């Protein structure tokens, strides 16, 4: 059942609750979970599908821990953040009849949570959390850090942010007594000083293959890890849409990124990955300009399928110079 922010707030204030994060939980997912934990005093935060590199950095900065297993006994409600079902969570076993979904992706017709708030107009899940807790005038610095980290990450450092994101960010910074420098340090330490991530960017560019479609460039690369960093690197050197994949023992993992020009023509990587996953198997989804895809099979073949799907979307379309901006963190 879809609810308003105040109804979700009332529901979260009762019972013994647990928070569930999606697989390879990103900054927005971790930030949302941490904010809920701080505000409602929820001690049980679970990440059965693992946490991203940046997500771990944020948890460490906040001195929080996430449990690696899904525990269902003795829990009244499961708060699912930044996901809506088993596919978007990346694992199964969630008691959806006791679940409260808080998400900003397109609402799925198959969603069967007990309660839900899904706002596609929000750039990040953290913006929805801010509305749920009724935008208090004063919050802790830790609370502000986790909310701002999610907003900054999911808006691509505000390159994709709308009016709501800027309004929420301004209110959060003031309420927490923070500056943007405080928040950006979280990203700089992870993105700029991590040697492995820097090397992955260079390898991604070195191994890049690309196709030209009129005014558009679609690039792919295969690396061993840090797919998101590699995909961003491809955008920074000129690609409009980029896919970076790695071959794992259990299958493959692909991250996609698209700049605002490509998104403006109809490219939606979350929907593209979801569609391919439905046809080829695996799990895929995310935002229009940033998404992920995992499954079993050959990563080179899947990268080619992703690339060809993007090419089909872009073929014959003109680039809008007003939105010709690189969407790079």
C-alpha atoms as a PDB file:
ATOM      1  CA  UNK A   1       0.000   0.000   0.000  1.00  0.00           C
ATOM      2  CA  UNK A   2       1.391   3.379  -1.043  1.00  0.00           C
ATOM      3  CA  UNK A   3       1.653   5.887   1.804  1.00  0.00           C
ATOM      4  CA  UNK A   4       2.491   9.513   2.498  1.00  0.00           C
ATOM      5  CA  UNK A   5       5.716  10.479   4.364  1.00  0.00           C
ATOM      6  CA  UNK A   6       3.875  11.145   7.639  1.00  0.00           C
ATOM      7  CA  UNK A   7       2.266   7.683   7.503  1.00  0.00           C
ATOM      8  CA  UNK A   8       5.644   6.022   7.001  1.00  0.00           C
ATOM      9  CA  UNK A   9       7.046   8.097   9.866  1.00  0.00           C
ATOM     10  CA  UNK A  10       4.308   6.849  12.170  1.00  0.00           C
ATOM     11  CA  UNK A  11       4.847   3.230  11.110  1.00  0.00           C
ATOM     12  CA  UNK A  12       8.616   3.397  11.657  1.00  0.00           C
ATOM     13  CA  UNK A  13       8.178   4.713  15.201  1.00  0.00           C
ATOM     14  CA  UNK A  14       6.640   1.448  16.415  1.00  0.00           C
ATOM     15  CA  UNK A  15       7.770  -2.151  16.852  1.00  0.00           C
ATOM     16  CA  UNK A  16      11.145  -3.845  16.535  1.00  0.00           C
ATOM     17  CA  UNK A  17      12.455  -2.901  13.125  1.00  0.00           C
ATOM     18  CA  UNK A  18      15.334  -3.959  10.884  1.00  0.00           C
ATOM     19  CA  UNK A  19      16.753  -2.191   7.825  1.00  0.00           C
ATOM     20  CA  UNK A  20      17.615  -4.062   4.630  1.00  0.00           C
ATOM     21  CA  UNK A  21      20.091  -2.745   2.051  1.00  0.00           C
ATOM     22  CA  UNK A  22      20.381  -3.972  -1.534  1.00  0.00           C
ATOM     23  CA  UNK A  23      23.353  -5.919  -2.905  1.00  0.00           C
ATOM     24  CA  UNK A  24      26.584  -3.960  -3.211  1.00  0.00           C
ATOM     25  CA  UNK A  25      24.849  -1.168  -1.313  1.00  0.00           C
ATOM     26  CA  UNK A  26      25.855   2.249  -2.658  1.00  0.00           C
ATOM     27  CA  UNK A  27      26.168   5.607  -0.895  1.00  0.00           C
ATOM     28  CA  UNK A  28      22.475   6.449  -1.230  1.00  0.00           C
ATOM     29  CA  UNK A  29      21.378   3.074   0.131  1.00  0.00           C
ATOM     30  CA  UNK A  30      23.887   3.138   3.009  1.00  0.00           C
ATOM     31  CA  UNK A  31      23.184   6.800   3.761  1.00  0.00           C
ATOM     32  CA  UNK A  32      19.439   6.150   3.878  1.00  0.00           C
ATOM     33  CA  UNK A  33      19.872   3.134   6.140  1.00  0.00           C
ATOM     34  CA  UNK A  34      22.229   5.023   8.464  1.00  0.00           C
ATOM     35  CA  UNK A  35      19.875   8.016   8.688  1.00  0.00           C
ATOM     36  CA  UNK A  36      16.962   5.752   9.622  1.00  0.00           C
ATOM     37  CA  UNK A  37      19.140   3.974  12.163  1.00  0.00           C
ATOM     38  CA  UNK A  38      20.147   7.255  13.817  1.00  0.00           C
ATOM     39  CA  UNK A  39      16.689   8.836  13.781  1.00  0.00           C
ATOM     40  CA  UNK A  40      14.595   5.879  14.916  1.00  0.00           C
ATOM     41  CA  UNK A  41      17.215   4.098  17.025  1.00  0.00           C
ATOM     42  CA  UNK A  42      17.180   0.996  14.821  1.00  0.00           C
ATOM     43  CA  UNK A  43      20.169  -1.162  15.705  1.00  0.00           C
ATOM     44  CA  UNK A  44      19.630  -3.972  13.191  1.00  0.00           C
ATOM     45  CA  UNK A  45      20.949  -2.963   9.759  1.00  0.00           C
ATOM     46  CA  UNK A  46      21.515  -5.840   7.329  1.00  0.00           C
ATOM     47  CA  UNK A  47      23.466  -6.115   4.087  1.00  0.00           C
ATOM     48  CA  UNK A  48      23.265  -9.781   2.949  1.00  0.00           C
ATOM     49  CA  UNK A  49      24.382  -8.785  -0.550  1.00  0.00           C
ATOM     50  CA  UNK A  50      27.468  -6.851   0.497  1.00  0.00           C
ATOM     51  CA  UNK A  51      28.372  -3.170   0.499  1.00  0.00           C
ATOM     52  CA  UNK A  52      30.136  -1.042  -2.101  1.00  0.00           C
ATOM     53  CA  UNK A  53      33.556   0.504  -1.556  1.00  0.00           C
ATOM     54  CA  UNK A  54      32.082   3.963  -0.989  1.00  0.00           C
ATOM     55  CA  UNK A  55      29.353   2.521   1.211  1.00  0.00           C
ATOM     56  CA  UNK A  56      31.950   0.939   3.465  1.00  0.00           C
ATOM     57  CA  UNK A  57      33.793   4.268   3.657  1.00  0.00           C
ATOM     58  CA  UNK A  58      30.610   5.957   4.834  1.00  0.00           C
ATOM     59  CA  UNK A  59      29.826   3.294   7.440  1.00  0.00           C
ATOM     60  CA  UNK A  60      33.374   3.555   8.756  1.00  0.00           C
ATOM     61  CA  UNK A  61      33.124   7.345   9.015  1.00  0.00           C
ATOM     62  CA  UNK A  62      29.842   6.981  10.922  1.00  0.00           C
ATOM     63  CA  UNK A  63      31.204   4.166  13.110  1.00  0.00           C
ATOM     64  CA  UNK A  64      28.321   1.884  12.101  1.00  0.00           C
ATOM     65  CA  UNK A  65      28.276  -1.815  11.252  1.00  0.00           C
ATOM     66  CA  UNK A  66      25.950  -3.810   9.017  1.00  0.00           C
ATOM     67  CA  UNK A  67      25.145  -7.469   9.567  1.00  0.00           C
ATOM     68  CA  UNK A  68      26.112  -9.751   6.662  1.00  0.00           C
ATOM     69  CA  UNK A  69      23.179 -12.154   7.033  1.00  0.00           C
ATOM     70  CA  UNK A  70      19.414 -11.876   6.652  1.00  0.00           C
ATOM     71  CA  UNK A  71      17.799 -12.410  10.047  1.00  0.00           C
ATOM     72  CA  UNK A  72      13.988 -12.615  10.252  1.00  0.00           C
ATOM     73  CA  UNK A  73      13.185 -13.931  13.725  1.00  0.00           C
ATOM     74  CA  UNK A  74      11.801 -11.444  16.229  1.00  0.00           C
ATOM     75  CA  UNK A  75      11.523  -8.595  13.699  1.00  0.00           C
ATOM     76  CA  UNK A  76       8.194  -6.789  13.365  1.00  0.00           C
ATOM     77  CA  UNK A  77       8.998  -4.737  10.256  1.00  0.00           C
ATOM     78  CA  UNK A  78      11.687  -4.810   7.573  1.00  0.00           C
ATOM     79  CA  UNK A  79      12.528  -1.412   6.118  1.00  0.00           C
ATOM     80  CA  UNK A  80      13.762  -1.913   2.555  1.00  0.00           C
ATOM     81  CA  UNK A  81      15.684   1.124   1.293  1.00  0.00           C
ATOM     82  CA  UNK A  82      16.532   1.911  -2.334  1.00  0.00           C
ATOM     83  CA  UNK A  83      14.855  -1.294  -3.598  1.00  0.00           C
ATOM     84  CA  UNK A  84      11.380  -2.751  -4.076  1.00  0.00           C
ATOM     85  CA  UNK A  85      11.572  -6.514  -4.567  1.00  0.00           C
ATOM     86  CA  UNK A  86      13.896  -9.529  -4.572  1.00  0.00           C
ATOM     87  CA  UNK A  87      15.291  -8.562  -7.960  1.00  0.00           C
ATOM     88  CA  UNK A  88      16.265  -5.033  -6.959  1.00  0.00           C
ATOM     89  CA  UNK A  89      17.473  -6.207  -3.538  1.00  0.00           C
ATOM     90  CA  UNK A  90      19.710  -8.811  -5.150  1.00  0.00           C
ATOM     91  CA  UNK A  91      18.709 -11.644  -2.807  1.00  0.00           C
ATOM     92  CA  UNK A  92      15.602 -13.476  -1.617  1.00  0.00           C
ATOM     93  CA  UNK A  93      14.044 -14.294   1.740  1.00  0.00           C
ATOM     94  CA  UNK A  94      12.560 -10.913   2.691  1.00  0.00           C
ATOM     95  CA  UNK A  95       9.134 -11.252   4.398  1.00  0.00           C
ATOM     96  CA  UNK A  96       7.398  -8.728   2.138  1.00  0.00           C
ATOM     97  CA  UNK A  97       4.161  -8.935   4.122  1.00  0.00           C
ATOM     98  CA  UNK A  98       6.126  -7.226   6.937  1.00  0.00           C
ATOM     99  CA  UNK A  99       8.128  -4.874   4.713  1.00  0.00           C
ATOM    100  CA  UNK A 100       8.116  -1.093   4.369  1.00  0.00           C
ATOM    101  CA  UNK A 101       9.632   0.037   1.061  1.00  0.00           C
ATOM    102  CA  UNK A 102      11.311   3.432   0.703  1.00  0.00           C
ATOM    103  CA  UNK A 103      12.551   3.958  -2.857  1.00  0.00           C
ATOM    104  CA  UNK A 104      12.934   6.498  -5.648  1.00  0.00           C
ATOM    105  CA  UNK A 105      13.055   4.213  -8.683  1.00  0.00           C
ATOM    106  CA  UNK A 106      10.091   3.638 -10.955  1.00  0.00           C
ATOM    107  CA  UNK A 107       7.341   1.786  -9.097  1.00  0.00           C
ATOM    108  CA  UNK A 108       7.075  -1.872 -10.080  1.00  0.00           C
ATOM    109  CA  UNK A 109       3.661  -3.379 -10.672  1.00  0.00           C
ATOM    110  CA  UNK A 110       4.750  -6.564  -8.895  1.00  0.00           C
ATOM    111  CA  UNK A 111       5.711  -4.809  -5.647  1.00  0.00           C
ATOM    112  CA  UNK A 112       3.957  -6.536  -2.736  1.00  0.00           C
ATOM    113  CA  UNK A 113       5.260  -4.751   0.360  1.00  0.00           C
ATOM    114  CA  UNK A 114       2.900  -4.056   3.233  1.00  0.00           C
ATOM    115  CA  UNK A 115       3.625  -0.308   3.070  1.00  0.00           C
ATOM    116  CA  UNK A 116       5.586   1.764   0.580  1.00  0.00           C
ATOM    117  CA  UNK A 117       6.614   5.238  -0.457  1.00  0.00           C
ATOM    118  CA  UNK A 118       8.084   5.498  -3.959  1.00  0.00           C
ATOM    119  CA  UNK A 119       8.909   8.926  -5.380  1.00  0.00           C
ATOM    120  CA  UNK A 120      10.381   8.842  -8.870  1.00  0.00           C
ATOM    121  CA  UNK A 121      10.858  12.623  -8.804  1.00  0.00           C
ATOM    122  CA  UNK A 122      13.436  12.370  -6.014  1.00  0.00           C
ATOM    123  CA  UNK A 123      17.027  12.137  -7.224  1.00  0.00           C
ATOM    124  CA  UNK A 124      17.969  10.002  -4.221  1.00  0.00           C
ATOM    125  CA  UNK A 125      16.410   7.883  -1.521  1.00  0.00           C
ATOM    126  CA  UNK A 126      17.951  10.190   1.090  1.00  0.00           C
ATOM    127  CA  UNK A 127      15.692  13.015  -0.087  1.00  0.00           C
ATOM    128  CA  UNK A 128      12.672  10.850   0.713  1.00  0.00           C
ATOM    129  CA  UNK A 129      14.112  10.027   4.139  1.00  0.00           C
ATOM    130  CA  UNK A 130      14.443  13.767   4.799  1.00  0.00           C
ATOM    131  CA  UNK A 131      10.734  14.206   4.042  1.00  0.00           C
ATOM    132  CA  UNK A 132       9.747  11.216   6.181  1.00  0.00           C
ATOM    133  CA  UNK A 133      11.490  12.593   9.277  1.00  0.00           C
ATOM    134  CA  UNK A 134       9.725  15.922   8.641  1.00  0.00           C
ATOM    135  CA  UNK A 135      12.809  18.010   7.803  1.00  0.00           C
ATOM    136  CA  UNK A 136      13.902  18.891  11.370  1.00  0.00           C
ATOM    137  CA  UNK A 137      15.647  22.198  12.037  1.00  0.00           C
ATOM    138  CA  UNK A 138      18.483  20.546  13.976  1.00  0.00           C
ATOM    139  CA  UNK A 139      20.162  17.177  13.392  1.00  0.00           C
ATOM    140  CA  UNK A 140      23.513  15.648  14.339  1.00  0.00           C
ATOM    141  CA  UNK A 141      26.542  16.008  12.092  1.00  0.00           C
ATOM    142  CA  UNK A 142      26.495  12.224  11.569  1.00  0.00           C
ATOM    143  CA  UNK A 143      22.886  12.348  10.421  1.00  0.00           C
ATOM    144  CA  UNK A 144      23.690  15.165   8.049  1.00  0.00           C
ATOM    145  CA  UNK A 145      26.718  13.332   6.650  1.00  0.00           C
ATOM    146  CA  UNK A 146      24.793  10.210   5.741  1.00  0.00           C
ATOM    147  CA  UNK A 147      21.917  12.108   4.128  1.00  0.00           C
ATOM    148  CA  UNK A 148      24.223  14.407   2.169  1.00  0.00           C
ATOM    149  CA  UNK A 149      26.453  11.535   1.062  1.00  0.00           C
ATOM    150  CA  UNK A 150      23.460   9.804  -0.532  1.00  0.00           C
ATOM    151  CA  UNK A 151      22.250  12.947  -2.264  1.00  0.00           C
ATOM    152  CA  UNK A 152      25.702  13.884  -3.577  1.00  0.00           C
ATOM    153  CA  UNK A 153      26.335  10.352  -4.860  1.00  0.00           C
ATOM    154  CA  UNK A 154      23.013   9.785  -6.616  1.00  0.00           C
ATOM    155  CA  UNK A 155      22.953  13.223  -8.229  1.00  0.00           C
ATOM    156  CA  UNK A 156      26.497  12.811  -9.578  1.00  0.00           C
ATOM    157  CA  UNK A 157      27.725  15.700  -7.411  1.00  0.00           C
ATOM    158  CA  UNK A 158      24.523  17.604  -8.310  1.00  0.00           C
ATOM    159  CA  UNK A 159      24.951  17.232 -12.071  1.00  0.00           C
ATOM    160  CA  UNK A 160      21.658  15.295 -12.154  1.00  0.00           C
ATOM    161  CA  UNK A 161      20.042  17.023  -9.184  1.00  0.00           C
ATOM    162  CA  UNK A 162      16.715  18.777  -9.516  1.00  0.00           C
ATOM    163  CA  UNK A 163      15.155  21.467  -7.349  1.00  0.00           C
ATOM    164  CA  UNK A 164      14.278  18.944  -4.627  1.00  0.00           C
ATOM    165  CA  UNK A 165      17.880  17.804  -4.265  1.00  0.00           C
ATOM    166  CA  UNK A 166      19.214  21.341  -3.863  1.00  0.00           C
ATOM    167  CA  UNK A 167      16.475  22.291  -1.427  1.00  0.00           C
ATOM    168  CA  UNK A 168      17.040  19.197   0.711  1.00  0.00           C
ATOM    169  CA  UNK A 169      20.816  19.648   0.615  1.00  0.00           C
ATOM    170  CA  UNK A 170      20.567  23.262   1.752  1.00  0.00           C
ATOM    171  CA  UNK A 171      18.262  22.365   4.635  1.00  0.00           C
ATOM    172  CA  UNK A 172      20.374  19.382   5.718  1.00  0.00           C
ATOM    173  CA  UNK A 173      23.654  21.304   5.676  1.00  0.00           C
ATOM    174  CA  UNK A 174      22.122  24.074   7.781  1.00  0.00           C
ATOM    175  CA  UNK A 175      20.439  21.681  10.223  1.00  0.00           C
ATOM    176  CA  UNK A 176      23.652  19.684  10.749  1.00  0.00           C
ATOM    177  CA  UNK A 177      26.077  22.614  10.722  1.00  0.00           C
ATOM    178  CA  UNK A 178      28.045  21.072   7.865  1.00  0.00           C
ATOM    179  CA  UNK A 179      29.782  22.440   4.783  1.00  0.00           C
ATOM    180  CA  UNK A 180      30.141  20.764   1.398  1.00  0.00           C
ATOM    181  CA  UNK A 181      33.864  20.324   2.123  1.00  0.00           C
ATOM    182  CA  UNK A 182      32.917  18.028   5.017  1.00  0.00           C
ATOM    183  CA  UNK A 183      30.888  15.836   2.664  1.00  0.00           C
ATOM    184  CA  UNK A 184      33.220  15.821  -0.326  1.00  0.00           C
ATOM    185  CA  UNK A 185      36.073  14.545   1.839  1.00  0.00           C
ATOM    186  CA  UNK A 186      34.213  11.216   1.975  1.00  0.00           C
ATOM    187  CA  UNK A 187      34.400  10.960  -1.793  1.00  0.00           C
ATOM    188  CA  UNK A 188      37.917  12.318  -2.238  1.00  0.00           C
ATOM    189  CA  UNK A 189      39.460   9.839   0.176  1.00  0.00           C
ATOM    190  CA  UNK A 190      37.783   6.952  -1.590  1.00  0.00           C
ATOM    191  CA  UNK A 191      37.965   8.079  -5.198  1.00  0.00           C
ATOM    192  CA  UNK A 192      41.210  10.005  -5.477  1.00  0.00           C
ATOM    193  CA  UNK A 193      43.559   8.403  -2.967  1.00  0.00           C
ATOM    194  CA  UNK A 194      42.759   4.720  -3.470  1.00  0.00           C
ATOM    195  CA  UNK A 195      45.522   3.312  -5.694  1.00  0.00           C
ATOM    196  CA  UNK A 196      43.556   0.256  -6.852  1.00  0.00           C
ATOM    197  CA  UNK A 197      40.672   2.427  -7.993  1.00  0.00           C
ATOM    198  CA  UNK A 198      42.989   4.800  -9.858  1.00  0.00           C
ATOM    199  CA  UNK A 199      44.654   1.879 -11.629  1.00  0.00           C
ATOM    200  CA  UNK A 200      41.240   0.481 -12.598  1.00  0.00           C
ATOM    201  CA  UNK A 201      40.413   3.775 -14.287  1.00  0.00           C
ATOM    202  CA  UNK A 202      43.609   3.630 -16.320  1.00  0.00           C
ATOM    203  CA  UNK A 203      43.101  -0.031 -17.257  1.00  0.00           C
ATOM    204  CA  UNK A 204      39.523   0.695 -18.209  1.00  0.00           C
ATOM    205  CA  UNK A 205      40.605   3.407 -20.614  1.00  0.00           C
ATOM    206  CA  UNK A 206      43.461   1.257 -21.956  1.00  0.00           C
ATOM    207  CA  UNK A 207      41.180  -1.688 -22.767  1.00  0.00           C
ATOM    208  CA  UNK A 208      38.295   0.417 -24.084  1.00  0.00           C
ATOM    209  CA  UNK A 209      36.422  -0.420 -27.280  1.00  0.00           C
ATOM    210  CA  UNK A 210      33.870   1.964 -28.713  1.00  0.00           C
ATOM    211  CA  UNK A 211      31.271   2.429 -31.438  1.00  0.00           C
ATOM    212  CA  UNK A 212      30.335   5.708 -33.057  1.00  0.00           C
ATOM    213  CA  UNK A 213      26.631   6.238 -33.761  1.00  0.00           C
ATOM    214  CA  UNK A 214      26.239   9.565 -35.511  1.00  0.00           C
ATOM    215  CA  UNK A 215      27.134  12.146 -32.857  1.00  0.00           C
ATOM    216  CA  UNK A 216      27.275   9.529 -30.096  1.00  0.00           C
ATOM    217  CA  UNK A 217      30.052   7.361 -28.650  1.00  0.00           C
ATOM    218  CA  UNK A 218      29.234   4.121 -26.810  1.00  0.00           C
ATOM    219  CA  UNK A 219      32.211   2.521 -25.049  1.00  0.00           C
ATOM    220  CA  UNK A 220      32.818  -0.772 -23.248  1.00  0.00           C
ATOM    221  CA  UNK A 221      35.716  -2.130 -21.245  1.00  0.00           C
ATOM    222  CA  UNK A 222      36.527  -5.274 -19.292  1.00  0.00           C
ATOM    223  CA  UNK A 223      38.488  -5.061 -16.040  1.00  0.00           C
ATOM    224  CA  UNK A 224      38.957  -7.042 -12.838  1.00  0.00           C
ATOM    225  CA  UNK A 225      37.252  -4.755 -10.294  1.00  0.00           C
ATOM    226  CA  UNK A 226      35.981  -1.214  -9.594  1.00  0.00           C
ATOM    227  CA  UNK A 227      33.625  -1.239 -12.566  1.00  0.00           C
ATOM    228  CA  UNK A 228      31.964   2.041 -11.576  1.00  0.00           C
ATOM    229  CA  UNK A 229      35.291   3.869 -11.477  1.00  0.00           C
ATOM    230  CA  UNK A 230      36.179   2.510 -14.916  1.00  0.00           C
ATOM    231  CA  UNK A 231      32.810   3.473 -16.391  1.00  0.00           C
ATOM    232  CA  UNK A 232      33.217   7.017 -15.069  1.00  0.00           C
ATOM    233  CA  UNK A 233      36.685   7.124 -16.605  1.00  0.00           C
ATOM    234  CA  UNK A 234      35.252   6.277 -20.034  1.00  0.00           C
ATOM    235  CA  UNK A 235      32.773   9.150 -19.750  1.00  0.00           C
ATOM    236  CA  UNK A 236      35.554  11.501 -18.734  1.00  0.00           C
ATOM    237  CA  UNK A 237      37.547  10.717 -21.892  1.00  0.00           C
ATOM    238  CA  UNK A 238      34.614  11.303 -24.241  1.00  0.00           C
ATOM    239  CA  UNK A 239      32.055   8.473 -24.191  1.00  0.00           C
ATOM    240  CA  UNK A 240      28.350   9.327 -23.971  1.00  0.00           C
ATOM    241  CA  UNK A 241      27.418   5.872 -22.682  1.00  0.00           C
ATOM    242  CA  UNK A 242      29.896   3.526 -21.014  1.00  0.00           C
ATOM    243  CA  UNK A 243      29.747  -0.064 -19.785  1.00  0.00           C
ATOM    244  CA  UNK A 244      32.481  -1.606 -17.621  1.00  0.00           C
ATOM    245  CA  UNK A 245      32.348  -5.291 -16.767  1.00  0.00           C
ATOM    246  CA  UNK A 246      34.296  -7.905 -14.865  1.00  0.00           C
ATOM    247  CA  UNK A 247      34.272 -11.688 -15.088  1.00  0.00           C
ATOM    248  CA  UNK A 248      33.802 -13.418 -11.742  1.00  0.00           C
ATOM    249  CA  UNK A 249      33.881 -17.084 -10.777  1.00  0.00           C
ATOM    250  CA  UNK A 250      30.154 -16.951 -10.104  1.00  0.00           C
ATOM    251  CA  UNK A 251      29.360 -14.934 -13.230  1.00  0.00           C
ATOM    252  CA  UNK A 252      29.765 -11.331 -14.352  1.00  0.00           C
ATOM    253  CA  UNK A 253      29.180  -7.816 -13.061  1.00  0.00           C
ATOM    254  CA  UNK A 254      28.562  -4.797 -15.294  1.00  0.00           C
ATOM    255  CA  UNK A 255      28.191  -1.132 -14.390  1.00  0.00           C
ATOM    256  CA  UNK A 256      26.754   1.384 -16.820  1.00  0.00           C
ATOM    257  CA  UNK A 257      27.014   5.167 -16.907  1.00  0.00           C
ATOM    258  CA  UNK A 258      25.481   7.713 -19.297  1.00  0.00           C
ATOM    259  CA  UNK A 259      25.899  11.470 -19.563  1.00  0.00           C
ATOM    260  CA  UNK A 260      23.002  13.915 -19.510  1.00  0.00           C
ATOM    261  CA  UNK A 261      22.923  14.259 -23.278  1.00  0.00           C
ATOM    262  CA  UNK A 262      22.317  10.527 -23.699  1.00  0.00           C
ATOM    263  CA  UNK A 263      19.774  10.425 -20.882  1.00  0.00           C
ATOM    264  CA  UNK A 264      17.965  13.360 -22.494  1.00  0.00           C
ATOM    265  CA  UNK A 265      17.392  11.327 -25.656  1.00  0.00           C
ATOM    266  CA  UNK A 266      15.757   8.443 -23.807  1.00  0.00           C
ATOM    267  CA  UNK A 267      18.661   6.305 -22.584  1.00  0.00           C
ATOM    268  CA  UNK A 268      17.680   4.732 -19.255  1.00  0.00           C
ATOM    269  CA  UNK A 269      20.348   2.304 -18.128  1.00  0.00           C
ATOM    270  CA  UNK A 270      18.269   0.941 -15.243  1.00  0.00           C
ATOM    271  CA  UNK A 271      15.493  -0.078 -17.621  1.00  0.00           C
ATOM    272  CA  UNK A 272      17.993  -1.327 -20.197  1.00  0.00           C
ATOM    273  CA  UNK A 273      19.659  -3.620 -17.656  1.00  0.00           C
ATOM    274  CA  UNK A 274      16.301  -4.779 -16.278  1.00  0.00           C
ATOM    275  CA  UNK A 275      15.111  -5.681 -19.768  1.00  0.00           C
ATOM    276  CA  UNK A 276      18.307  -7.544 -20.675  1.00  0.00           C
ATOM    277  CA  UNK A 277      18.235  -9.399 -17.351  1.00  0.00           C
ATOM    278  CA  UNK A 278      14.688 -10.512 -18.113  1.00  0.00           C
ATOM    279  CA  UNK A 279      15.769 -11.837 -21.492  1.00  0.00           C
ATOM    280  CA  UNK A 280      19.182 -13.296 -20.616  1.00  0.00           C
ATOM    281  CA  UNK A 281      18.903 -13.994 -16.908  1.00  0.00           C
ATOM    282  CA  UNK A 282      20.450 -12.169 -13.982  1.00  0.00           C
ATOM    283  CA  UNK A 283      19.521  -9.056 -12.039  1.00  0.00           C
ATOM    284  CA  UNK A 284      19.676  -5.523 -13.361  1.00  0.00           C
ATOM    285  CA  UNK A 285      18.356  -2.085 -12.583  1.00  0.00           C
ATOM    286  CA  UNK A 286      19.143   1.398 -11.348  1.00  0.00           C
ATOM    287  CA  UNK A 287      18.833   4.973 -12.541  1.00  0.00           C
ATOM    288  CA  UNK A 288      18.722   6.452 -16.020  1.00  0.00           C
ATOM    289  CA  UNK A 289      22.364   7.551 -15.940  1.00  0.00           C
ATOM    290  CA  UNK A 290      23.793   4.986 -13.522  1.00  0.00           C
ATOM    291  CA  UNK A 291      22.896   1.317 -13.142  1.00  0.00           C
ATOM    292  CA  UNK A 292      24.215  -2.192 -12.526  1.00  0.00           C
ATOM    293  CA  UNK A 293      23.764  -5.689 -13.920  1.00  0.00           C
ATOM    294  CA  UNK A 294      24.881  -9.077 -12.564  1.00  0.00           C
ATOM    295  CA  UNK A 295      24.376 -12.614 -13.813  1.00  0.00           C
ATOM    296  CA  UNK A 296      25.922 -15.834 -15.040  1.00  0.00           C
ATOM    297  CA  UNK A 297      27.696 -16.020 -18.364  1.00  0.00           C
ATOM    298  CA  UNK A 298      30.435 -14.439 -20.437  1.00  0.00           C
ATOM    299  CA  UNK A 299      31.004 -10.792 -19.604  1.00  0.00           C
ATOM    300  CA  UNK A 300      32.367  -9.946 -23.074  1.00  0.00           C
ATOM    301  CA  UNK A 301      29.168 -11.175 -24.715  1.00  0.00           C
ATOM    302  CA  UNK A 302      26.995  -9.328 -22.221  1.00  0.00           C
ATOM    303  CA  UNK A 303      28.941  -6.101 -22.709  1.00  0.00           C
ATOM    304  CA  UNK A 304      28.286  -6.384 -26.421  1.00  0.00           C
ATOM    305  CA  UNK A 305      24.562  -6.889 -25.807  1.00  0.00           C
ATOM    306  CA  UNK A 306      24.458  -3.851 -23.533  1.00  0.00           C
ATOM    307  CA  UNK A 307      26.324  -1.757 -26.078  1.00  0.00           C
ATOM    308  CA  UNK A 308      24.050  -2.788 -28.950  1.00  0.00           C
ATOM    309  CA  UNK A 309      20.940  -1.957 -26.926  1.00  0.00           C
ATOM    310  CA  UNK A 310      22.297   1.515 -26.177  1.00  0.00           C
ATOM    311  CA  UNK A 311      23.183   2.002 -29.844  1.00  0.00           C
ATOM    312  CA  UNK A 312      19.621   1.146 -30.876  1.00  0.00           C
ATOM    313  CA  UNK A 313      18.286   3.811 -28.502  1.00  0.00           C
ATOM    314  CA  UNK A 314      20.707   6.473 -29.732  1.00  0.00           C
ATOM    315  CA  UNK A 315      20.584   5.730 -33.451  1.00  0.00           C
ATOM    316  CA  UNK A 316      19.230   8.617 -35.495  1.00  0.00           C
ATOM    317  CA  UNK A 317      18.932  10.991 -32.552  1.00  0.00           C
ATOM    318  CA  UNK A 318      20.559  14.397 -32.389  1.00  0.00           C
ATOM    319  CA  UNK A 319      22.630  15.592 -29.463  1.00  0.00           C
ATOM    320  CA  UNK A 320      21.097  18.495 -27.554  1.00  0.00           C
ATOM    321  CA  UNK A 321      23.905  20.963 -26.994  1.00  0.00           C
ATOM    322  CA  UNK A 322      22.127  22.426 -23.942  1.00  0.00           C
ATOM    323  CA  UNK A 323      22.435  19.122 -22.101  1.00  0.00           C
ATOM    324  CA  UNK A 324      25.800  18.124 -23.506  1.00  0.00           C
ATOM    325  CA  UNK A 325      27.477  17.741 -20.123  1.00  0.00           C
ATOM    326  CA  UNK A 326      29.593  14.903 -18.859  1.00  0.00           C
ATOM    327  CA  UNK A 327      27.963  13.092 -15.986  1.00  0.00           C
ATOM    328  CA  UNK A 328      31.137  12.173 -14.120  1.00  0.00           C
ATOM    329  CA  UNK A 329      31.851  12.015 -10.399  1.00  0.00           C
END
